[in-house]
């Protein structure tokens, strides 16, 4: 093995990166090169990229996707659009990789290493933090959010039975009411060209949604959604779902299908149809289809909105870690 990390580029790592992810304990959509490249393309102007890698001959064993603003090091990404962040290291190589990463970072200009959006099983918490403490750095960890997740059962009936009695009855009532109304249609858009075209409807529904959502979708974020959607659509990892009532698009969900898991990334709806629960029930259709397709988990992603728990989500804590020099 080589003893030091090297700075790379997306182009230099593009071929080996997906292979490394397949052999990494931290493997989720936000760590794919498609996602990371799209984020950097839109938001990277204010930072210096530190895309560090370590190889054993021709085999890539670890990537530290970092950025530097002159005062702090942090992951490529931002908490407003990246639900999970982490290092990418081949399973079994963590104890070799992280001390060498810290040796590389030591002489760089930074006052803190700020790592956000960490799952409990993240490599950052399991390996980087102990390595940092061993080298004498000060480490502070705090919970910053929750991310409700739903482990999917074998059948739709099993899913309904597992819900709380009140939630199950309420869900069935809402489904009956929607399906007894005018023609209802549920469908996906996955083809790249069609998806990018349909994003216009998604953005329009965002405008119609409550004020917080409308404020979230800035011009820059709109650019990111399009860049990210275009990149992920090339490998079939993204799906834009719509629920139509009477031929009109009333709600939409943007989901990722990756590693046998569905991620509910974002949603929007027309409040005119709130009485039909079109926003909630589109997510229910997404869950039902995920079960039918044998997916192992439905991840509602960050945020403690009540509907996630009504639909069976179980809270997973999300942490923030700050490392400073002693």
C-alpha atoms as a PDB file:
ATOM      1  CA  UNK A   1       0.000   0.000   0.000  1.00  0.00           C
ATOM      2  CA  UNK A   2       1.042   3.584  -0.498  1.00  0.00           C
ATOM      3  CA  UNK A   3       1.501   5.499   2.725  1.00  0.00           C
ATOM      4  CA  UNK A   4       0.038   8.861   1.773  1.00  0.00           C
ATOM      5  CA  UNK A   5      -3.114  10.217   0.259  1.00  0.00           C
ATOM      6  CA  UNK A   6      -3.250  12.107  -3.010  1.00  0.00           C
ATOM      7  CA  UNK A   7      -5.557  14.807  -4.262  1.00  0.00           C
ATOM      8  CA  UNK A   8      -7.733  13.598  -7.091  1.00  0.00           C
ATOM      9  CA  UNK A   9     -10.518  14.746  -9.366  1.00  0.00           C
ATOM     10  CA  UNK A  10     -13.908  13.359 -10.231  1.00  0.00           C
ATOM     11  CA  UNK A  11     -12.511  12.333 -13.602  1.00  0.00           C
ATOM     12  CA  UNK A  12      -9.534  10.466 -12.148  1.00  0.00           C
ATOM     13  CA  UNK A  13     -11.705   8.573  -9.652  1.00  0.00           C
ATOM     14  CA  UNK A  14     -14.848   8.130 -11.726  1.00  0.00           C
ATOM     15  CA  UNK A  15     -14.289   4.497 -12.770  1.00  0.00           C
ATOM     16  CA  UNK A  16     -13.073   3.151  -9.418  1.00  0.00           C
ATOM     17  CA  UNK A  17     -15.459   5.136  -7.174  1.00  0.00           C
ATOM     18  CA  UNK A  18     -18.637   3.032  -7.748  1.00  0.00           C
ATOM     19  CA  UNK A  19     -16.637  -0.188  -7.271  1.00  0.00           C
ATOM     20  CA  UNK A  20     -15.311   1.104  -3.948  1.00  0.00           C
ATOM     21  CA  UNK A  21     -18.837   1.957  -2.796  1.00  0.00           C
ATOM     22  CA  UNK A  22     -19.923  -1.640  -3.383  1.00  0.00           C
ATOM     23  CA  UNK A  23     -17.273  -2.748  -0.867  1.00  0.00           C
ATOM     24  CA  UNK A  24     -17.907   0.007   1.680  1.00  0.00           C
ATOM     25  CA  UNK A  25     -20.081  -0.211   4.802  1.00  0.00           C
ATOM     26  CA  UNK A  26     -21.244   3.359   4.100  1.00  0.00           C
ATOM     27  CA  UNK A  27     -23.005   2.998   0.754  1.00  0.00           C
ATOM     28  CA  UNK A  28     -25.851   5.367   0.004  1.00  0.00           C
ATOM     29  CA  UNK A  29     -26.993   7.580  -2.833  1.00  0.00           C
ATOM     30  CA  UNK A  30     -25.432  10.767  -1.447  1.00  0.00           C
ATOM     31  CA  UNK A  31     -21.948   9.241  -1.689  1.00  0.00           C
ATOM     32  CA  UNK A  32     -22.157   8.350  -5.379  1.00  0.00           C
ATOM     33  CA  UNK A  33     -19.892  10.281  -7.754  1.00  0.00           C
ATOM     34  CA  UNK A  34     -22.999  11.399  -9.672  1.00  0.00           C
ATOM     35  CA  UNK A  35     -24.432  13.105  -6.596  1.00  0.00           C
ATOM     36  CA  UNK A  36     -21.141  14.583  -5.400  1.00  0.00           C
ATOM     37  CA  UNK A  37     -20.224  15.929  -8.822  1.00  0.00           C
ATOM     38  CA  UNK A  38     -23.652  17.582  -9.214  1.00  0.00           C
ATOM     39  CA  UNK A  39     -23.324  19.277  -5.809  1.00  0.00           C
ATOM     40  CA  UNK A  40     -19.835  20.572  -6.600  1.00  0.00           C
ATOM     41  CA  UNK A  41     -20.927  21.810 -10.005  1.00  0.00           C
ATOM     42  CA  UNK A  42     -23.597  24.070  -8.472  1.00  0.00           C
ATOM     43  CA  UNK A  43     -22.297  24.946  -5.009  1.00  0.00           C
ATOM     44  CA  UNK A  44     -18.539  24.445  -5.119  1.00  0.00           C
ATOM     45  CA  UNK A  45     -17.407  27.943  -6.122  1.00  0.00           C
ATOM     46  CA  UNK A  46     -16.895  29.098  -2.532  1.00  0.00           C
ATOM     47  CA  UNK A  47     -14.537  26.263  -1.569  1.00  0.00           C
ATOM     48  CA  UNK A  48     -11.300  24.523  -2.397  1.00  0.00           C
ATOM     49  CA  UNK A  49     -11.886  20.846  -3.074  1.00  0.00           C
ATOM     50  CA  UNK A  50      -9.879  18.270  -1.139  1.00  0.00           C
ATOM     51  CA  UNK A  51     -10.910  15.067  -2.925  1.00  0.00           C
ATOM     52  CA  UNK A  52      -8.392  12.752  -1.286  1.00  0.00           C
ATOM     53  CA  UNK A  53      -7.793   9.110  -2.094  1.00  0.00           C
ATOM     54  CA  UNK A  54      -5.572   6.239  -1.024  1.00  0.00           C
ATOM     55  CA  UNK A  55      -4.770   3.229  -3.215  1.00  0.00           C
ATOM     56  CA  UNK A  56      -3.075  -0.133  -2.915  1.00  0.00           C
ATOM     57  CA  UNK A  57      -1.428  -0.423  -6.281  1.00  0.00           C
ATOM     58  CA  UNK A  58      -4.261  -0.213  -8.788  1.00  0.00           C
ATOM     59  CA  UNK A  59      -6.979  -0.805  -6.178  1.00  0.00           C
ATOM     60  CA  UNK A  60      -8.688   2.193  -4.591  1.00  0.00           C
ATOM     61  CA  UNK A  61      -9.179   1.662  -0.863  1.00  0.00           C
ATOM     62  CA  UNK A  62     -10.542   5.001   0.356  1.00  0.00           C
ATOM     63  CA  UNK A  63     -11.894   8.417  -0.568  1.00  0.00           C
ATOM     64  CA  UNK A  64     -12.239  11.457   1.688  1.00  0.00           C
ATOM     65  CA  UNK A  65     -14.587  13.820  -0.223  1.00  0.00           C
ATOM     66  CA  UNK A  66     -13.766  17.089   1.529  1.00  0.00           C
ATOM     67  CA  UNK A  67     -13.849  20.827   0.909  1.00  0.00           C
ATOM     68  CA  UNK A  68     -11.908  23.645   2.576  1.00  0.00           C
ATOM     69  CA  UNK A  69     -13.048  27.230   3.103  1.00  0.00           C
ATOM     70  CA  UNK A  70      -9.759  28.289   4.692  1.00  0.00           C
ATOM     71  CA  UNK A  71     -11.041  27.910   8.248  1.00  0.00           C
ATOM     72  CA  UNK A  72     -12.749  24.545   8.310  1.00  0.00           C
ATOM     73  CA  UNK A  73     -12.744  21.241   6.478  1.00  0.00           C
ATOM     74  CA  UNK A  74     -16.081  19.569   5.793  1.00  0.00           C
ATOM     75  CA  UNK A  75     -17.647  17.017   3.493  1.00  0.00           C
ATOM     76  CA  UNK A  76     -18.510  17.858  -0.085  1.00  0.00           C
ATOM     77  CA  UNK A  77     -22.193  18.670   0.292  1.00  0.00           C
ATOM     78  CA  UNK A  78     -24.403  20.827   2.475  1.00  0.00           C
ATOM     79  CA  UNK A  79     -27.034  20.028   5.051  1.00  0.00           C
ATOM     80  CA  UNK A  80     -29.845  21.716   3.102  1.00  0.00           C
ATOM     81  CA  UNK A  81     -29.676  19.219   0.243  1.00  0.00           C
ATOM     82  CA  UNK A  82     -27.507  16.303   1.467  1.00  0.00           C
ATOM     83  CA  UNK A  83     -29.224  14.113   4.054  1.00  0.00           C
ATOM     84  CA  UNK A  84     -26.275  11.810   4.750  1.00  0.00           C
ATOM     85  CA  UNK A  85     -22.524  12.386   4.388  1.00  0.00           C
ATOM     86  CA  UNK A  86     -19.515  10.214   5.126  1.00  0.00           C
ATOM     87  CA  UNK A  87     -16.140   8.875   4.056  1.00  0.00           C
ATOM     88  CA  UNK A  88     -15.882   6.041   1.536  1.00  0.00           C
ATOM     89  CA  UNK A  89     -13.473   3.277   2.578  1.00  0.00           C
ATOM     90  CA  UNK A  90     -13.141  -0.365   1.565  1.00  0.00           C
ATOM     91  CA  UNK A  91     -14.395  -2.663   4.323  1.00  0.00           C
ATOM     92  CA  UNK A  92     -11.449  -3.898   6.399  1.00  0.00           C
ATOM     93  CA  UNK A  93      -9.173  -0.993   5.449  1.00  0.00           C
ATOM     94  CA  UNK A  94     -10.613   1.603   7.852  1.00  0.00           C
ATOM     95  CA  UNK A  95      -7.915   1.281  10.527  1.00  0.00           C
ATOM     96  CA  UNK A  96      -5.250   1.831   7.883  1.00  0.00           C
ATOM     97  CA  UNK A  97      -6.981   4.660   6.034  1.00  0.00           C
ATOM     98  CA  UNK A  98      -8.054   7.064   8.775  1.00  0.00           C
ATOM     99  CA  UNK A  99      -4.741   7.595  10.644  1.00  0.00           C
ATOM    100  CA  UNK A 100      -3.121   8.377   7.296  1.00  0.00           C
ATOM    101  CA  UNK A 101      -5.930  10.750   6.431  1.00  0.00           C
ATOM    102  CA  UNK A 102      -5.304  12.636   9.668  1.00  0.00           C
ATOM    103  CA  UNK A 103      -1.550  12.746   8.935  1.00  0.00           C
ATOM    104  CA  UNK A 104      -2.325  14.286   5.543  1.00  0.00           C
ATOM    105  CA  UNK A 105      -4.733  16.864   7.001  1.00  0.00           C
ATOM    106  CA  UNK A 106      -2.506  17.926   9.910  1.00  0.00           C
ATOM    107  CA  UNK A 107      -0.363  20.524   8.027  1.00  0.00           C
ATOM    108  CA  UNK A 108      -3.274  21.989   6.060  1.00  0.00           C
ATOM    109  CA  UNK A 109      -4.757  25.358   7.029  1.00  0.00           C
ATOM    110  CA  UNK A 110      -7.862  24.660   9.098  1.00  0.00           C
ATOM    111  CA  UNK A 111      -9.192  25.448  12.532  1.00  0.00           C
ATOM    112  CA  UNK A 112     -11.822  22.739  12.651  1.00  0.00           C
ATOM    113  CA  UNK A 113     -13.104  19.677  10.836  1.00  0.00           C
ATOM    114  CA  UNK A 114     -16.905  19.911  10.764  1.00  0.00           C
ATOM    115  CA  UNK A 115     -18.696  16.726   9.720  1.00  0.00           C
ATOM    116  CA  UNK A 116     -22.477  16.950   9.388  1.00  0.00           C
ATOM    117  CA  UNK A 117     -25.284  14.534   8.541  1.00  0.00           C
ATOM    118  CA  UNK A 118     -23.731  11.430  10.097  1.00  0.00           C
ATOM    119  CA  UNK A 119     -25.707   8.220  10.527  1.00  0.00           C
ATOM    120  CA  UNK A 120     -24.982   6.265  13.738  1.00  0.00           C
ATOM    121  CA  UNK A 121     -23.134   3.597  11.711  1.00  0.00           C
ATOM    122  CA  UNK A 122     -21.130   6.139   9.700  1.00  0.00           C
ATOM    123  CA  UNK A 123     -17.437   5.509   9.152  1.00  0.00           C
ATOM    124  CA  UNK A 124     -16.807   9.014  10.489  1.00  0.00           C
ATOM    125  CA  UNK A 125     -18.187   8.121  13.915  1.00  0.00           C
ATOM    126  CA  UNK A 126     -16.931   4.534  14.035  1.00  0.00           C
ATOM    127  CA  UNK A 127     -13.376   5.058  12.790  1.00  0.00           C
ATOM    128  CA  UNK A 128     -12.413   8.695  12.132  1.00  0.00           C
ATOM    129  CA  UNK A 129     -13.442   9.955  15.566  1.00  0.00           C
ATOM    130  CA  UNK A 130     -11.425   7.328  17.528  1.00  0.00           C
ATOM    131  CA  UNK A 131      -8.409   7.972  15.275  1.00  0.00           C
ATOM    132  CA  UNK A 132      -8.705  11.729  15.869  1.00  0.00           C
ATOM    133  CA  UNK A 133      -8.923  11.276  19.637  1.00  0.00           C
ATOM    134  CA  UNK A 134      -5.899   8.979  19.593  1.00  0.00           C
ATOM    135  CA  UNK A 135      -3.891  11.715  17.881  1.00  0.00           C
ATOM    136  CA  UNK A 136      -4.897  14.227  20.555  1.00  0.00           C
ATOM    137  CA  UNK A 137      -7.608  16.186  18.787  1.00  0.00           C
ATOM    138  CA  UNK A 138     -10.635  17.488  20.648  1.00  0.00           C
ATOM    139  CA  UNK A 139     -13.880  15.893  19.455  1.00  0.00           C
ATOM    140  CA  UNK A 140     -17.439  17.112  20.081  1.00  0.00           C
ATOM    141  CA  UNK A 141     -20.480  15.149  18.891  1.00  0.00           C
ATOM    142  CA  UNK A 142     -24.099  16.253  19.052  1.00  0.00           C
ATOM    143  CA  UNK A 143     -27.371  15.060  17.596  1.00  0.00           C
ATOM    144  CA  UNK A 144     -28.538  17.456  14.883  1.00  0.00           C
ATOM    145  CA  UNK A 145     -31.669  15.769  13.522  1.00  0.00           C
ATOM    146  CA  UNK A 146     -33.532  12.503  13.007  1.00  0.00           C
ATOM    147  CA  UNK A 147     -34.153  10.476   9.885  1.00  0.00           C
ATOM    148  CA  UNK A 148     -37.202   8.178  10.109  1.00  0.00           C
ATOM    149  CA  UNK A 149     -36.734   4.879   8.270  1.00  0.00           C
ATOM    150  CA  UNK A 150     -39.115   2.028   7.544  1.00  0.00           C
ATOM    151  CA  UNK A 151     -37.869  -1.545   7.180  1.00  0.00           C
ATOM    152  CA  UNK A 152     -40.241  -3.002   4.637  1.00  0.00           C
ATOM    153  CA  UNK A 153     -42.173  -6.236   5.255  1.00  0.00           C
ATOM    154  CA  UNK A 154     -42.901  -8.938   2.715  1.00  0.00           C
ATOM    155  CA  UNK A 155     -46.420  -7.786   1.850  1.00  0.00           C
ATOM    156  CA  UNK A 156     -48.752  -4.785   1.877  1.00  0.00           C
ATOM    157  CA  UNK A 157     -51.034  -6.495   4.395  1.00  0.00           C
ATOM    158  CA  UNK A 158     -48.088  -7.103   6.697  1.00  0.00           C
ATOM    159  CA  UNK A 159     -47.285  -3.399   6.444  1.00  0.00           C
ATOM    160  CA  UNK A 160     -50.828  -2.361   7.354  1.00  0.00           C
ATOM    161  CA  UNK A 161     -50.965  -4.760  10.300  1.00  0.00           C
ATOM    162  CA  UNK A 162     -47.728  -3.301  11.689  1.00  0.00           C
ATOM    163  CA  UNK A 163     -49.164   0.238  11.804  1.00  0.00           C
ATOM    164  CA  UNK A 164     -50.823   1.568  14.926  1.00  0.00           C
ATOM    165  CA  UNK A 165     -54.536   0.789  14.895  1.00  0.00           C
ATOM    166  CA  UNK A 166     -55.566   4.436  14.566  1.00  0.00           C
ATOM    167  CA  UNK A 167     -53.062   5.085  11.778  1.00  0.00           C
ATOM    168  CA  UNK A 168     -54.141   1.950   9.898  1.00  0.00           C
ATOM    169  CA  UNK A 169     -57.850   2.852  10.002  1.00  0.00           C
ATOM    170  CA  UNK A 170     -57.131   6.447   9.014  1.00  0.00           C
ATOM    171  CA  UNK A 171     -54.957   5.360   6.097  1.00  0.00           C
ATOM    172  CA  UNK A 172     -57.587   2.962   4.768  1.00  0.00           C
ATOM    173  CA  UNK A 173     -60.251   5.657   5.074  1.00  0.00           C
ATOM    174  CA  UNK A 174     -58.177   8.160   3.112  1.00  0.00           C
ATOM    175  CA  UNK A 175     -57.365   5.632   0.412  1.00  0.00           C
ATOM    176  CA  UNK A 176     -61.057   4.803  -0.042  1.00  0.00           C
ATOM    177  CA  UNK A 177     -62.002   8.461  -0.242  1.00  0.00           C
ATOM    178  CA  UNK A 178     -59.359   9.227  -2.873  1.00  0.00           C
ATOM    179  CA  UNK A 179     -60.088   6.192  -5.004  1.00  0.00           C
ATOM    180  CA  UNK A 180     -63.845   6.865  -4.970  1.00  0.00           C
ATOM    181  CA  UNK A 181     -63.366  10.324  -6.421  1.00  0.00           C
ATOM    182  CA  UNK A 182     -62.631  11.287 -10.029  1.00  0.00           C
ATOM    183  CA  UNK A 183     -60.140   9.319 -12.118  1.00  0.00           C
ATOM    184  CA  UNK A 184     -56.941   8.835 -10.107  1.00  0.00           C
ATOM    185  CA  UNK A 185     -53.630   8.044 -11.782  1.00  0.00           C
ATOM    186  CA  UNK A 186     -50.281   7.205 -10.202  1.00  0.00           C
ATOM    187  CA  UNK A 187     -47.178   6.953 -12.373  1.00  0.00           C
ATOM    188  CA  UNK A 188     -43.418   7.516 -12.549  1.00  0.00           C
ATOM    189  CA  UNK A 189     -41.127   9.438 -14.827  1.00  0.00           C
ATOM    190  CA  UNK A 190     -37.634   7.921 -15.004  1.00  0.00           C
ATOM    191  CA  UNK A 191     -36.355   8.511 -18.541  1.00  0.00           C
ATOM    192  CA  UNK A 192     -33.765  11.299 -18.417  1.00  0.00           C
ATOM    193  CA  UNK A 193     -35.301  13.602 -21.023  1.00  0.00           C
ATOM    194  CA  UNK A 194     -38.847  13.064 -19.756  1.00  0.00           C
ATOM    195  CA  UNK A 195     -37.774  13.541 -16.135  1.00  0.00           C
ATOM    196  CA  UNK A 196     -36.033  16.845 -16.828  1.00  0.00           C
ATOM    197  CA  UNK A 197     -39.139  18.026 -18.671  1.00  0.00           C
ATOM    198  CA  UNK A 198     -41.454  16.897 -15.858  1.00  0.00           C
ATOM    199  CA  UNK A 199     -39.356  18.754 -13.284  1.00  0.00           C
ATOM    200  CA  UNK A 200     -41.186  21.902 -14.421  1.00  0.00           C
ATOM    201  CA  UNK A 201     -44.399  20.451 -12.936  1.00  0.00           C
ATOM    202  CA  UNK A 202     -42.504  19.502  -9.787  1.00  0.00           C
ATOM    203  CA  UNK A 203     -41.248  23.076  -9.368  1.00  0.00           C
ATOM    204  CA  UNK A 204     -44.746  24.465  -9.956  1.00  0.00           C
ATOM    205  CA  UNK A 205     -46.153  22.242  -7.221  1.00  0.00           C
ATOM    206  CA  UNK A 206     -43.333  23.451  -4.979  1.00  0.00           C
ATOM    207  CA  UNK A 207     -44.520  27.024  -5.505  1.00  0.00           C
ATOM    208  CA  UNK A 208     -48.047  26.008  -4.529  1.00  0.00           C
ATOM    209  CA  UNK A 209     -46.908  24.194  -1.379  1.00  0.00           C
ATOM    210  CA  UNK A 210     -46.559  25.928   1.974  1.00  0.00           C
ATOM    211  CA  UNK A 211     -44.287  28.934   2.383  1.00  0.00           C
ATOM    212  CA  UNK A 212     -41.306  27.022   3.770  1.00  0.00           C
ATOM    213  CA  UNK A 213     -41.087  24.816   0.686  1.00  0.00           C
ATOM    214  CA  UNK A 214     -41.511  27.751  -1.676  1.00  0.00           C
ATOM    215  CA  UNK A 215     -38.667  29.587   0.072  1.00  0.00           C
ATOM    216  CA  UNK A 216     -36.443  26.506  -0.047  1.00  0.00           C
ATOM    217  CA  UNK A 217     -36.523  26.206  -3.843  1.00  0.00           C
ATOM    218  CA  UNK A 218     -34.186  29.049  -4.788  1.00  0.00           C
ATOM    219  CA  UNK A 219     -32.874  29.448  -8.329  1.00  0.00           C
ATOM    220  CA  UNK A 220     -29.610  27.819  -7.305  1.00  0.00           C
ATOM    221  CA  UNK A 221     -31.363  24.829  -5.758  1.00  0.00           C
ATOM    222  CA  UNK A 222     -33.472  24.500  -8.870  1.00  0.00           C
ATOM    223  CA  UNK A 223     -30.231  24.263 -10.859  1.00  0.00           C
ATOM    224  CA  UNK A 224     -28.981  21.612  -8.457  1.00  0.00           C
ATOM    225  CA  UNK A 225     -32.162  19.530  -8.703  1.00  0.00           C
ATOM    226  CA  UNK A 226     -31.853  19.548 -12.485  1.00  0.00           C
ATOM    227  CA  UNK A 227     -28.132  18.711 -12.461  1.00  0.00           C
ATOM    228  CA  UNK A 228     -28.579  15.978  -9.855  1.00  0.00           C
ATOM    229  CA  UNK A 229     -31.664  14.547 -11.585  1.00  0.00           C
ATOM    230  CA  UNK A 230     -29.886  14.483 -14.927  1.00  0.00           C
ATOM    231  CA  UNK A 231     -26.846  12.721 -13.477  1.00  0.00           C
ATOM    232  CA  UNK A 232     -28.754  10.102 -11.470  1.00  0.00           C
ATOM    233  CA  UNK A 233     -31.220   9.400 -14.290  1.00  0.00           C
ATOM    234  CA  UNK A 234     -28.379   8.115 -16.455  1.00  0.00           C
ATOM    235  CA  UNK A 235     -28.096   5.063 -14.162  1.00  0.00           C
ATOM    236  CA  UNK A 236     -31.800   4.773 -13.355  1.00  0.00           C
ATOM    237  CA  UNK A 237     -31.374   5.843  -9.723  1.00  0.00           C
ATOM    238  CA  UNK A 238     -34.012   8.607  -9.657  1.00  0.00           C
ATOM    239  CA  UNK A 239     -37.773   8.610 -10.140  1.00  0.00           C
ATOM    240  CA  UNK A 240     -40.286  11.457 -10.230  1.00  0.00           C
ATOM    241  CA  UNK A 241     -43.746  10.221  -9.231  1.00  0.00           C
ATOM    242  CA  UNK A 242     -47.035  12.000  -9.785  1.00  0.00           C
ATOM    243  CA  UNK A 243     -50.557  11.558  -8.483  1.00  0.00           C
ATOM    244  CA  UNK A 244     -53.149  12.889 -10.908  1.00  0.00           C
ATOM    245  CA  UNK A 245     -56.772  13.562 -10.047  1.00  0.00           C
ATOM    246  CA  UNK A 246     -59.083  14.228 -12.960  1.00  0.00           C
ATOM    247  CA  UNK A 247     -56.105  14.498 -15.302  1.00  0.00           C
ATOM    248  CA  UNK A 248     -54.332  17.151 -13.214  1.00  0.00           C
ATOM    249  CA  UNK A 249     -51.030  16.643 -11.426  1.00  0.00           C
ATOM    250  CA  UNK A 250     -51.862  17.227  -7.770  1.00  0.00           C
ATOM    251  CA  UNK A 251     -48.761  15.945  -5.977  1.00  0.00           C
ATOM    252  CA  UNK A 252     -45.239  14.773  -6.736  1.00  0.00           C
ATOM    253  CA  UNK A 253     -42.423  12.896  -5.011  1.00  0.00           C
ATOM    254  CA  UNK A 254     -38.788  12.777  -6.006  1.00  0.00           C
ATOM    255  CA  UNK A 255     -37.333   9.433  -4.922  1.00  0.00           C
ATOM    256  CA  UNK A 256     -34.040   7.602  -5.307  1.00  0.00           C
ATOM    257  CA  UNK A 257     -33.843   3.856  -5.924  1.00  0.00           C
ATOM    258  CA  UNK A 258     -30.406   2.723  -4.803  1.00  0.00           C
ATOM    259  CA  UNK A 259     -28.949  -0.424  -3.262  1.00  0.00           C
ATOM    260  CA  UNK A 260     -32.407  -2.028  -2.882  1.00  0.00           C
ATOM    261  CA  UNK A 261     -33.658   0.961  -0.894  1.00  0.00           C
ATOM    262  CA  UNK A 262     -36.054   3.809  -1.695  1.00  0.00           C
ATOM    263  CA  UNK A 263     -35.153   7.317  -0.497  1.00  0.00           C
ATOM    264  CA  UNK A 264     -37.983   9.859  -0.329  1.00  0.00           C
ATOM    265  CA  UNK A 265     -35.943  12.947  -1.155  1.00  0.00           C
ATOM    266  CA  UNK A 266     -38.596  15.614  -1.607  1.00  0.00           C
ATOM    267  CA  UNK A 267     -42.267  16.175  -2.320  1.00  0.00           C
ATOM    268  CA  UNK A 268     -44.725  18.885  -3.293  1.00  0.00           C
ATOM    269  CA  UNK A 269     -48.473  19.206  -3.799  1.00  0.00           C
ATOM    270  CA  UNK A 270     -51.341  21.499  -4.706  1.00  0.00           C
ATOM    271  CA  UNK A 271     -53.145  22.570  -1.488  1.00  0.00           C
ATOM    272  CA  UNK A 272     -56.376  22.805  -3.487  1.00  0.00           C
ATOM    273  CA  UNK A 273     -56.530  19.017  -3.193  1.00  0.00           C
ATOM    274  CA  UNK A 274     -55.554  18.822   0.481  1.00  0.00           C
ATOM    275  CA  UNK A 275     -58.962  17.373   1.414  1.00  0.00           C
ATOM    276  CA  UNK A 276     -58.069  14.280  -0.637  1.00  0.00           C
ATOM    277  CA  UNK A 277     -54.718  13.864   1.175  1.00  0.00           C
ATOM    278  CA  UNK A 278     -52.926  13.718  -2.179  1.00  0.00           C
ATOM    279  CA  UNK A 279     -49.508  14.463  -0.669  1.00  0.00           C
ATOM    280  CA  UNK A 280     -49.683  11.732   1.959  1.00  0.00           C
ATOM    281  CA  UNK A 281     -51.274   9.141  -0.306  1.00  0.00           C
ATOM    282  CA  UNK A 282     -48.714   9.557  -3.060  1.00  0.00           C
ATOM    283  CA  UNK A 283     -46.092   8.599  -0.496  1.00  0.00           C
ATOM    284  CA  UNK A 284     -48.283   5.635   0.487  1.00  0.00           C
ATOM    285  CA  UNK A 285     -48.359   4.527  -3.156  1.00  0.00           C
ATOM    286  CA  UNK A 286     -44.554   4.828  -3.202  1.00  0.00           C
ATOM    287  CA  UNK A 287     -44.338   2.602  -0.109  1.00  0.00           C
ATOM    288  CA  UNK A 288     -46.779   0.043  -1.499  1.00  0.00           C
ATOM    289  CA  UNK A 289     -44.825  -0.199  -4.732  1.00  0.00           C
ATOM    290  CA  UNK A 290     -41.528  -0.511  -2.854  1.00  0.00           C
ATOM    291  CA  UNK A 291     -42.978  -3.466  -0.931  1.00  0.00           C
ATOM    292  CA  UNK A 292     -44.259  -5.031  -4.137  1.00  0.00           C
ATOM    293  CA  UNK A 293     -40.789  -4.692  -5.682  1.00  0.00           C
ATOM    294  CA  UNK A 294     -39.113  -6.368  -2.705  1.00  0.00           C
ATOM    295  CA  UNK A 295     -37.187  -3.334  -1.474  1.00  0.00           C
ATOM    296  CA  UNK A 296     -35.617  -3.700   1.953  1.00  0.00           C
ATOM    297  CA  UNK A 297     -36.173  -0.193   3.297  1.00  0.00           C
ATOM    298  CA  UNK A 298     -38.090   3.023   2.692  1.00  0.00           C
ATOM    299  CA  UNK A 299     -36.055   5.956   3.971  1.00  0.00           C
ATOM    300  CA  UNK A 300     -38.067   9.120   4.678  1.00  0.00           C
ATOM    301  CA  UNK A 301     -34.777  11.002   5.127  1.00  0.00           C
ATOM    302  CA  UNK A 302     -34.114  13.857   7.525  1.00  0.00           C
ATOM    303  CA  UNK A 303     -36.860  15.676   9.385  1.00  0.00           C
ATOM    304  CA  UNK A 304     -39.364  14.722  12.081  1.00  0.00           C
ATOM    305  CA  UNK A 305     -42.610  15.469  10.196  1.00  0.00           C
ATOM    306  CA  UNK A 306     -45.469  13.577  11.902  1.00  0.00           C
ATOM    307  CA  UNK A 307     -46.617  11.804   8.727  1.00  0.00           C
ATOM    308  CA  UNK A 308     -43.353   9.831   8.636  1.00  0.00           C
ATOM    309  CA  UNK A 309     -44.209   8.214  11.947  1.00  0.00           C
ATOM    310  CA  UNK A 310     -47.878   7.781  11.009  1.00  0.00           C
ATOM    311  CA  UNK A 311     -46.651   5.726   8.035  1.00  0.00           C
ATOM    312  CA  UNK A 312     -44.472   3.513  10.218  1.00  0.00           C
ATOM    313  CA  UNK A 313     -41.111   5.285  10.210  1.00  0.00           C
ATOM    314  CA  UNK A 314     -38.753   4.726  13.116  1.00  0.00           C
ATOM    315  CA  UNK A 315     -36.459   7.587  14.109  1.00  0.00           C
ATOM    316  CA  UNK A 316     -32.736   7.189  13.411  1.00  0.00           C
ATOM    317  CA  UNK A 317     -30.553   9.917  14.999  1.00  0.00           C
ATOM    318  CA  UNK A 318     -28.327  12.060  12.785  1.00  0.00           C
ATOM    319  CA  UNK A 319     -25.167  13.509  14.297  1.00  0.00           C
ATOM    320  CA  UNK A 320     -22.737  16.387  13.834  1.00  0.00           C
ATOM    321  CA  UNK A 321     -19.082  16.045  14.748  1.00  0.00           C
ATOM    322  CA  UNK A 322     -16.601  18.900  15.218  1.00  0.00           C
ATOM    323  CA  UNK A 323     -12.891  18.198  15.562  1.00  0.00           C
ATOM    324  CA  UNK A 324     -10.482  20.918  16.699  1.00  0.00           C
ATOM    325  CA  UNK A 325      -6.787  21.085  17.412  1.00  0.00           C
ATOM    326  CA  UNK A 326      -5.884  20.861  21.092  1.00  0.00           C
END
